[in-house]
Amino acid sequence: MMHSMTGYANAGGEYGKRHISVEVRAVNHRYLDIQFKMPDELRHLEGRMREAIAAQVQRGKLECRVQLQALTEGGNQALQINRALVRQLADLNQDLRKQHKNLGKLGVADILRFPGVLVAEPEDEDALADGVLALLQRTLTDFNLARAREGEKLQQHLLARLDDMTDIINVLLQLFPHLLQQHMDRAEQRLRDALAQVDEDRIKQEFVLFMQKADVDEELNRLQTHIAEVRRLATEHKGSVGKRLDFLMQELNREANTLGSKAIASECTQASVGLKVLIEQMREQVQNIE
């Protein structure tokens, strides 16, 4: 199945005490370039996330964004008191008051304001990591479905232009023998008019050279071969085909140019121009294919 390199998907869910959201978006790129935007506390997952993405995506500039949001109850985050630290502060206050009679007792508010006394409930780091990776897999599934839908449109675009190219070539194949004969007759008449006393064998030799230059069978055969290969890649091949299709676009354009340089009639020139227009339309879309 053909895939586009461009796509977007997101997923979210609650894991442990956090709401996690994962976004994946990608645009065209020659190779696979993965960039992460996520909190530092998740950086240790980057290697596993990169492997998960690379297993399903082969080309494109891809950005993966992960956001975390604490779940709240009644608008307040659940906190715990560090009782060991409270005991240390109380003992320290008592010792200092024995040494310095003018010192007052620590109040509850004083103790609660001390850094580290109020702490968030410990979080299950494994549950958080599992949640991020699970959401990433769900996001990648939706991401690939979106790319496949876009790839189907690209496939139809290519196939329609391949059909148009085949029609142009078939028409030219039918016309070319007649066009070639007309061109030969005109050339022979001009040659006889210019050189009234020309040896018949010399004329035949000149026409052999002329036929070699005017023969486009090889170009037409190569065009048909390349068209068949593009069609096969677009309909049968699995995996990344973008680079191979891009190469075939170059080969198709080369043969269309050669066909135009050998044009012996306006019909040949028009066919060459028509083919190059279709090839350029395909080439633009091939840049989007993985």
Protein backbone atom coordinates (compact mmCIF):
# COMPACT_ATOMS: atom_id res chain seq x y z
CA MET A 1 0.00 0.00 0.00
CA MET A 2 1.32 3.42 -0.96
CA HIS A 3 1.73 5.98 1.85
CA SER A 4 2.02 9.73 1.78
CA MET A 5 4.85 11.26 3.80
CA THR A 6 2.52 13.95 5.17
CA GLY A 7 0.10 13.18 7.97
CA TYR A 8 -1.18 14.03 11.44
CA ALA A 9 -2.72 12.13 14.34
CA ASN A 10 -3.14 12.51 18.09
CA ALA A 11 -4.35 10.53 21.06
CA GLY A 12 -4.86 11.16 24.75
CA GLY A 13 -5.68 9.32 27.95
CA GLU A 14 -5.34 9.22 31.74
CA TYR A 15 -2.57 7.13 33.23
CA GLY A 16 -1.83 7.20 36.92
CA LYS A 17 -2.17 10.79 38.10
CA ARG A 18 -1.54 12.39 34.69
CA HIS A 19 -3.41 13.14 31.50
CA ILE A 20 -1.12 12.35 28.57
CA SER A 21 -1.54 13.65 25.04
CA VAL A 22 0.60 12.51 22.10
CA GLU A 23 0.73 14.20 18.66
CA VAL A 24 2.55 13.02 15.56
CA ARG A 25 2.84 15.13 12.43
CA ALA A 26 5.09 14.76 9.39
CA VAL A 27 6.00 16.54 6.16
CA ASN A 28 8.13 15.61 3.17
CA HIS A 29 11.79 14.84 3.70
CA ARG A 30 14.42 12.85 1.86
CA TYR A 31 15.14 10.65 4.86
CA LEU A 32 13.50 9.87 8.20
CA ASP A 33 14.12 12.78 10.56
CA ILE A 34 12.44 12.41 13.99
CA GLN A 35 12.21 15.28 16.46
CA PHE A 36 10.72 15.08 19.95
CA LYS A 37 9.10 17.80 22.02
CA MET A 38 8.29 16.53 25.49
CA PRO A 39 9.02 17.13 29.20
CA ASP A 40 12.50 16.33 30.45
CA GLU A 41 11.09 13.66 32.78
CA LEU A 42 10.21 11.61 29.68
CA ARG A 43 13.56 11.94 27.89
CA HIS A 44 14.60 8.49 29.04
CA LEU A 45 11.86 7.10 26.75
CA GLU A 46 13.19 8.77 23.61
CA GLY A 47 15.15 5.73 22.44
CA ARG A 48 12.16 3.38 22.72
CA MET A 49 9.87 5.94 21.10
CA ARG A 50 12.29 6.45 18.22
CA GLU A 51 12.42 2.69 17.60
CA ALA A 52 8.62 2.45 17.65
CA ILE A 53 8.32 5.24 15.06
CA ALA A 54 11.09 3.91 12.82
CA ALA A 55 9.38 0.50 12.75
CA GLN A 56 6.34 2.05 11.05
CA VAL A 57 7.65 5.12 9.20
CA GLN A 58 10.50 5.09 6.70
CA ARG A 59 10.68 8.64 5.30
CA GLY A 60 9.58 12.12 6.31
CA LYS A 61 10.39 14.92 8.75
CA LEU A 62 8.38 13.79 11.76
CA GLU A 63 7.63 15.68 14.96
CA CYS A 64 6.37 13.84 18.04
CA ARG A 65 4.95 16.03 20.80
CA VAL A 66 4.05 14.69 24.27
CA GLN A 67 2.28 16.79 26.88
CA LEU A 68 1.55 15.93 30.52
CA GLN A 69 -1.13 17.45 32.73
CA ALA A 70 -1.65 16.64 36.39
CA LEU A 71 -5.07 15.32 37.31
CA THR A 72 -6.70 17.30 40.13
CA GLU A 73 -9.36 16.56 42.72
CA GLY A 74 -11.59 19.48 43.62
CA GLY A 75 -9.15 21.82 41.94
CA ASN A 76 -6.28 20.97 44.34
CA GLN A 77 -3.39 18.65 43.79
CA ALA A 78 -3.17 15.84 46.35
CA LEU A 79 -0.25 16.51 48.71
CA GLN A 80 1.46 14.60 51.50
CA ILE A 81 3.36 15.83 54.55
CA ASN A 82 6.98 14.82 54.92
CA ARG A 83 6.62 13.80 58.57
CA ALA A 84 10.29 12.92 58.97
CA LEU A 85 11.24 16.45 57.96
CA VAL A 86 8.60 17.91 60.33
CA ARG A 87 10.13 15.94 63.23
CA GLN A 88 13.60 17.18 62.31
CA LEU A 89 12.38 20.78 62.23
CA ALA A 90 10.60 20.39 65.60
CA ASP A 91 13.68 18.85 67.23
CA LEU A 92 15.92 21.53 65.78
CA ASN A 93 13.59 24.27 67.01
CA GLN A 94 13.56 22.76 70.50
CA ASP A 95 17.38 22.54 70.64
CA LEU A 96 17.81 26.12 69.46
CA ARG A 97 15.26 27.42 71.97
CA LYS A 98 17.28 25.83 74.79
CA GLN A 99 20.35 27.74 73.61
CA HIS A 100 18.57 30.97 72.77
CA LYS A 101 15.81 31.87 75.18
CA ASN A 102 14.45 34.64 72.95
CA LEU A 103 13.52 32.25 70.12
CA GLY A 104 9.84 31.43 69.71
CA LYS A 105 8.18 28.17 68.86
CA LEU A 106 7.64 27.19 65.22
CA GLY A 107 3.99 27.39 64.26
CA VAL A 108 2.17 25.03 61.93
CA ALA A 109 2.17 27.64 59.18
CA ASP A 110 5.94 28.11 59.60
CA ILE A 111 6.55 24.39 59.24
CA LEU A 112 4.26 23.98 56.22
CA ARG A 113 6.03 26.83 54.42
CA PHE A 114 9.40 25.12 54.80
CA PRO A 115 10.60 23.65 51.43
CA GLY A 116 10.04 19.92 51.19
CA VAL A 117 7.45 19.62 53.94
CA LEU A 118 4.52 19.43 51.53
CA VAL A 119 5.23 17.02 48.70
CA ALA A 120 3.14 15.55 45.91
CA GLU A 121 2.13 11.95 46.23
CA PRO A 122 4.73 9.66 44.65
CA GLU A 123 3.98 8.76 41.03
CA ASP A 124 4.17 5.37 39.39
CA GLU A 125 6.87 6.06 36.80
CA ASP A 126 6.35 2.69 35.10
CA ALA A 127 2.65 3.40 34.62
CA LEU A 128 3.49 6.80 33.15
CA ALA A 129 6.03 5.29 30.73
CA ASP A 130 3.64 2.53 29.70
CA GLY A 131 0.94 5.13 29.09
CA VAL A 132 3.17 7.26 26.86
CA LEU A 133 4.28 4.26 24.79
CA ALA A 134 0.73 2.89 24.48
CA LEU A 135 -0.58 6.27 23.31
CA LEU A 136 2.29 6.55 20.85
CA GLN A 137 1.33 3.22 19.28
CA ARG A 138 -2.31 4.29 19.04
CA THR A 139 -1.26 7.60 17.49
CA LEU A 140 1.00 5.86 14.96
CA THR A 141 -1.86 3.57 13.95
CA ASP A 142 -4.12 6.55 13.21
CA PHE A 143 -1.19 8.38 11.62
CA ASN A 144 -0.54 5.54 9.17
CA LEU A 145 -4.24 5.24 8.34
CA ALA A 146 -4.26 8.94 7.45
CA ARG A 147 -1.12 8.53 5.35
CA ALA A 148 -2.64 5.52 3.60
CA ARG A 149 -5.78 7.49 2.70
CA GLU A 150 -3.64 10.25 1.24
CA GLY A 151 -1.48 7.63 -0.47
CA GLU A 152 -4.56 6.20 -2.18
CA LYS A 153 -5.30 9.62 -3.65
CA LEU A 154 -1.70 9.90 -4.87
CA GLN A 155 -1.95 6.44 -6.39
CA GLN A 156 -5.08 7.39 -8.34
CA HIS A 157 -3.36 10.56 -9.52
CA LEU A 158 -0.39 8.58 -10.85
CA LEU A 159 -2.50 5.89 -12.49
CA ALA A 160 -4.67 8.45 -14.29
CA ARG A 161 -1.60 10.14 -15.77
CA LEU A 162 -0.05 6.82 -16.71
CA ASP A 163 -3.22 6.03 -18.64
CA ASP A 164 -2.99 9.38 -20.42
CA MET A 165 0.66 8.73 -21.29
CA THR A 166 -0.21 5.29 -22.64
CA ASP A 167 -2.93 6.81 -24.84
CA ILE A 168 -0.46 9.36 -26.26
CA ILE A 169 2.11 6.65 -27.03
CA ASN A 170 -0.47 4.34 -28.62
CA VAL A 171 -1.71 7.12 -30.89
CA LEU A 172 1.85 7.98 -31.87
CA LEU A 173 2.67 4.33 -32.58
CA GLN A 174 -0.26 4.17 -34.98
CA LEU A 175 0.59 7.45 -36.68
CA PHE A 176 4.36 7.15 -36.80
CA PRO A 177 4.74 4.83 -39.85
CA HIS A 178 2.60 7.21 -41.91
CA LEU A 179 4.38 10.28 -40.56
CA LEU A 180 7.75 8.73 -41.28
CA GLN A 181 6.78 7.87 -44.84
CA GLN A 182 5.55 11.41 -45.45
CA HIS A 183 8.76 12.83 -44.08
CA MET A 184 10.84 10.48 -46.22
CA ASP A 185 8.91 11.42 -49.36
CA ARG A 186 9.40 15.13 -48.73
CA ALA A 187 13.07 14.70 -47.95
CA GLU A 188 13.63 12.57 -51.04
CA GLN A 189 11.92 15.09 -53.27
CA ARG A 190 13.96 17.97 -51.83
CA LEU A 191 17.13 15.98 -52.33
CA ARG A 192 16.28 15.09 -55.93
CA ASP A 193 15.36 18.68 -56.70
CA ALA A 194 18.63 19.94 -55.25
CA LEU A 195 20.79 17.28 -56.84
CA ALA A 196 19.31 16.20 -60.14
CA GLN A 197 22.24 13.93 -60.88
CA VAL A 198 22.55 11.87 -57.75
CA ASP A 199 23.43 8.23 -57.75
CA GLU A 200 20.53 6.04 -56.56
CA ASP A 201 22.80 4.10 -54.21
CA ARG A 202 23.94 7.37 -52.61
CA ILE A 203 20.32 8.31 -51.97
CA LYS A 204 19.70 4.94 -50.32
CA GLN A 205 22.74 5.39 -48.09
CA GLU A 206 21.57 8.82 -46.99
CA PHE A 207 18.16 7.45 -46.17
CA VAL A 208 19.65 4.67 -44.08
CA LEU A 209 21.36 7.33 -41.96
CA PHE A 210 18.16 9.35 -41.89
CA MET A 211 16.16 6.36 -40.71
CA GLN A 212 18.61 5.74 -37.88
CA LYS A 213 18.19 9.29 -36.65
CA ALA A 214 14.43 9.35 -37.06
CA ASP A 215 13.79 5.93 -35.49
CA VAL A 216 12.06 6.39 -32.11
CA ASP A 217 11.10 2.77 -31.48
CA GLU A 218 13.68 2.51 -28.70
CA GLU A 219 12.39 5.63 -26.94
CA LEU A 220 8.77 4.48 -27.20
CA ASN A 221 9.66 1.02 -25.90
CA ARG A 222 11.54 2.50 -22.94
CA LEU A 223 8.64 4.80 -22.17
CA GLN A 224 6.28 1.82 -22.15
CA THR A 225 8.66 -0.16 -19.92
CA HIS A 226 9.01 2.70 -17.42
CA ILE A 227 5.25 3.27 -17.39
CA ALA A 228 4.69 -0.41 -16.61
CA GLU A 229 7.20 -0.25 -13.75
CA VAL A 230 5.63 2.88 -12.26
CA ARG A 231 2.23 1.20 -12.45
CA ARG A 232 3.62 -1.92 -10.73
CA LEU A 233 5.18 0.08 -7.91
CA ALA A 234 1.99 2.09 -7.44
CA THR A 235 -0.29 -0.94 -7.26
CA GLU A 236 1.69 -3.98 -6.15
CA HIS A 237 4.85 -3.00 -4.28
CA LYS A 238 4.79 -2.87 -0.48
CA GLY A 239 6.95 -0.52 1.51
CA SER A 240 8.77 2.67 0.59
CA VAL A 241 8.61 3.42 -3.15
CA GLY A 242 9.09 7.18 -3.28
CA LYS A 243 12.80 7.17 -4.18
CA ARG A 244 12.32 4.58 -6.92
CA LEU A 245 9.40 6.48 -8.37
CA ASP A 246 11.43 9.68 -8.33
CA PHE A 247 14.18 7.94 -10.31
CA LEU A 248 11.64 6.63 -12.84
CA MET A 249 10.27 10.15 -13.31
CA GLN A 250 13.77 11.23 -14.37
CA GLU A 251 14.02 8.33 -16.82
CA LEU A 252 10.58 9.05 -18.28
CA ASN A 253 11.49 12.70 -18.74
CA ARG A 254 14.75 11.76 -20.45
CA GLU A 255 12.97 9.55 -23.00
CA ALA A 256 10.29 12.19 -23.62
CA ASN A 257 13.01 14.77 -24.29
CA THR A 258 14.77 12.43 -26.73
CA LEU A 259 11.48 11.79 -28.47
CA GLY A 260 11.02 15.53 -28.90
CA SER A 261 14.56 16.00 -30.25
CA LYS A 262 13.85 13.39 -32.94
CA ALA A 263 10.47 14.88 -33.89
CA ILE A 264 9.79 14.60 -37.63
CA ALA A 265 6.29 16.06 -37.50
CA SER A 266 4.20 18.36 -35.32
CA GLU A 267 2.37 15.31 -33.98
CA CYS A 268 5.63 14.02 -32.52
CA THR A 269 6.41 17.38 -30.94
CA GLN A 270 2.93 17.58 -29.42
CA ALA A 271 3.26 14.05 -28.08
CA SER A 272 6.59 14.89 -26.47
CA VAL A 273 5.19 18.03 -24.85
CA GLY A 274 2.09 16.19 -23.64
CA LEU A 275 4.20 13.44 -22.11
CA LYS A 276 6.47 15.92 -20.31
CA VAL A 277 3.49 17.78 -18.86
CA LEU A 278 2.09 14.52 -17.46
CA ILE A 279 5.50 13.47 -16.15
CA GLU A 280 5.93 16.80 -14.36
CA GLN A 281 2.49 16.45 -12.76
CA MET A 282 3.47 13.00 -11.51
CA ARG A 283 6.88 14.15 -10.34
CA GLU A 284 5.32 16.81 -8.13
CA GLN A 285 3.11 14.22 -6.44
CA VAL A 286 5.90 11.63 -6.15
CA GLN A 287 7.69 14.07 -3.83
CA ASN A 288 4.91 13.36 -1.31
CA ILE A 289 5.22 9.55 -1.44
CA GLU A 290 7.10 7.66 1.26
